[in-house]
Amino acid sequence: MRRYFITVCLACLLPFVFAGCATTTSRQTLWEYKILEVVQDTDASDAEKQLNELARQGWVLASKSTTAEGRYVHTFVLK
């Protein structure tokens, strides 16, 4: 009877032990954002130098939008 009791206790406790071993801690990545706005009469080729310099500093392009109201306004969002 004692052996049966120990077997049942182990069978109930082992899943909790293995579940505890399988969990990992998750870290939330915190981002910092930078907005680069370039106003030009033509395309965004002049912004290339600025973007390359920011890329060397570790910035990554997350979004780009362009509006044309007489002049082109290029908005780059980097993280």
C-alpha atoms as a PDB file:
ATOM      1  CA  MET A   1       0.000   0.000   0.000  1.00  0.00           C
ATOM      2  CA  ARG A   2       2.833   2.356   0.818  1.00  0.00           C
ATOM      3  CA  ARG A   3       4.485   1.707  -2.547  1.00  0.00           C
ATOM      4  CA  TYR A   4       1.197   2.478  -4.328  1.00  0.00           C
ATOM      5  CA  PHE A   5       0.861   5.764  -2.395  1.00  0.00           C
ATOM      6  CA  ILE A   6       4.403   6.840  -3.333  1.00  0.00           C
ATOM      7  CA  THR A   7       3.805   5.938  -6.988  1.00  0.00           C
ATOM      8  CA  VAL A   8       0.599   7.991  -7.098  1.00  0.00           C
ATOM      9  CA  CYS A   9       2.305  10.970  -5.429  1.00  0.00           C
ATOM     10  CA  LEU A  10       5.190  10.862  -7.910  1.00  0.00           C
ATOM     11  CA  ALA A  11       2.803  10.535 -10.837  1.00  0.00           C
ATOM     12  CA  CYS A  12       0.970  13.653  -9.660  1.00  0.00           C
ATOM     13  CA  LEU A  13       4.087  15.709  -8.898  1.00  0.00           C
ATOM     14  CA  LEU A  14       6.292  14.921 -11.907  1.00  0.00           C
ATOM     15  CA  PRO A  15       4.242  16.928 -14.432  1.00  0.00           C
ATOM     16  CA  PHE A  16       4.632  20.011 -12.237  1.00  0.00           C
ATOM     17  CA  VAL A  17       8.379  19.472 -11.993  1.00  0.00           C
ATOM     18  CA  PHE A  18       8.788  19.112 -15.757  1.00  0.00           C
ATOM     19  CA  ALA A  19       6.467  22.033 -16.463  1.00  0.00           C
ATOM     20  CA  GLY A  20       8.587  24.193 -14.193  1.00  0.00           C
ATOM     21  CA  CYS A  21      11.738  23.143 -16.021  1.00  0.00           C
ATOM     22  CA  ALA A  22      10.227  23.916 -19.415  1.00  0.00           C
ATOM     23  CA  THR A  23       9.224  27.491 -18.691  1.00  0.00           C
ATOM     24  CA  THR A  24      11.461  30.260 -19.882  1.00  0.00           C
ATOM     25  CA  THR A  25      11.557  33.865 -18.908  1.00  0.00           C
ATOM     26  CA  SER A  26      10.562  36.229 -21.663  1.00  0.00           C
ATOM     27  CA  ARG A  27      12.060  39.660 -22.071  1.00  0.00           C
ATOM     28  CA  GLN A  28      10.221  42.468 -23.720  1.00  0.00           C
ATOM     29  CA  THR A  29      12.313  44.264 -26.304  1.00  0.00           C
ATOM     30  CA  LEU A  30      12.259  48.000 -25.771  1.00  0.00           C
ATOM     31  CA  TRP A  31      12.702  50.065 -28.917  1.00  0.00           C
ATOM     32  CA  GLU A  32      13.795  53.631 -29.354  1.00  0.00           C
ATOM     33  CA  TYR A  33      12.445  55.425 -32.418  1.00  0.00           C
ATOM     34  CA  LYS A  34      13.847  58.199 -34.581  1.00  0.00           C
ATOM     35  CA  ILE A  35      11.938  60.179 -37.204  1.00  0.00           C
ATOM     36  CA  LEU A  36      13.803  61.629 -40.171  1.00  0.00           C
ATOM     37  CA  GLU A  37      11.879  64.022 -42.371  1.00  0.00           C
ATOM     38  CA  VAL A  38      13.379  65.105 -45.684  1.00  0.00           C
ATOM     39  CA  VAL A  39      11.785  67.827 -47.835  1.00  0.00           C
ATOM     40  CA  GLN A  40      12.842  67.840 -51.487  1.00  0.00           C
ATOM     41  CA  ASP A  41      11.725  69.021 -54.890  1.00  0.00           C
ATOM     42  CA  THR A  42      12.480  65.600 -56.421  1.00  0.00           C
ATOM     43  CA  ASP A  43      12.921  62.004 -55.218  1.00  0.00           C
ATOM     44  CA  ALA A  44      14.511  60.786 -51.967  1.00  0.00           C
ATOM     45  CA  SER A  45      18.004  60.150 -53.336  1.00  0.00           C
ATOM     46  CA  ASP A  46      19.492  62.914 -51.152  1.00  0.00           C
ATOM     47  CA  ALA A  47      18.185  61.146 -48.069  1.00  0.00           C
ATOM     48  CA  GLU A  48      20.307  58.101 -48.912  1.00  0.00           C
ATOM     49  CA  LYS A  49      23.431  59.542 -47.253  1.00  0.00           C
ATOM     50  CA  GLN A  50      21.537  60.346 -44.060  1.00  0.00           C
ATOM     51  CA  LEU A  51      19.926  56.898 -43.960  1.00  0.00           C
ATOM     52  CA  ASN A  52      23.260  55.139 -44.544  1.00  0.00           C
ATOM     53  CA  GLU A  53      24.829  57.084 -41.683  1.00  0.00           C
ATOM     54  CA  LEU A  54      21.948  56.181 -39.367  1.00  0.00           C
ATOM     55  CA  ALA A  55      22.245  52.525 -40.433  1.00  0.00           C
ATOM     56  CA  ARG A  56      25.942  52.563 -39.465  1.00  0.00           C
ATOM     57  CA  GLN A  57      24.829  53.791 -36.034  1.00  0.00           C
ATOM     58  CA  GLY A  58      22.515  50.773 -35.728  1.00  0.00           C
ATOM     59  CA  TRP A  59      19.178  52.277 -36.736  1.00  0.00           C
ATOM     60  CA  VAL A  60      16.802  50.090 -38.783  1.00  0.00           C
ATOM     61  CA  LEU A  61      14.145  51.484 -41.140  1.00  0.00           C
ATOM     62  CA  ALA A  62      10.683  50.595 -39.855  1.00  0.00           C
ATOM     63  CA  SER A  63       8.462  52.714 -42.117  1.00  0.00           C
ATOM     64  CA  LYS A  64       8.578  55.251 -44.928  1.00  0.00           C
ATOM     65  CA  SER A  65       5.903  57.518 -46.308  1.00  0.00           C
ATOM     66  CA  THR A  66       5.927  60.226 -48.957  1.00  0.00           C
ATOM     67  CA  THR A  67       3.547  63.089 -49.557  1.00  0.00           C
ATOM     68  CA  ALA A  68       3.669  65.390 -52.568  1.00  0.00           C
ATOM     69  CA  GLU A  69       2.154  68.803 -52.065  1.00  0.00           C
ATOM     70  CA  GLY A  70       4.282  70.882 -54.383  1.00  0.00           C
ATOM     71  CA  ARG A  71       7.396  69.399 -52.736  1.00  0.00           C
ATOM     72  CA  TYR A  72       8.105  65.853 -51.695  1.00  0.00           C
ATOM     73  CA  VAL A  73       8.080  65.236 -47.957  1.00  0.00           C
ATOM     74  CA  HIS A  74       9.690  61.892 -47.111  1.00  0.00           C
ATOM     75  CA  THR A  75       9.144  60.673 -43.565  1.00  0.00           C
ATOM     76  CA  PHE A  76      11.343  57.817 -42.388  1.00  0.00           C
ATOM     77  CA  VAL A  77      10.689  56.073 -39.071  1.00  0.00           C
ATOM     78  CA  LEU A  78      13.684  54.182 -37.727  1.00  0.00           C
ATOM     79  CA  LYS A  79      14.020  51.947 -34.709  1.00  0.00           C
END
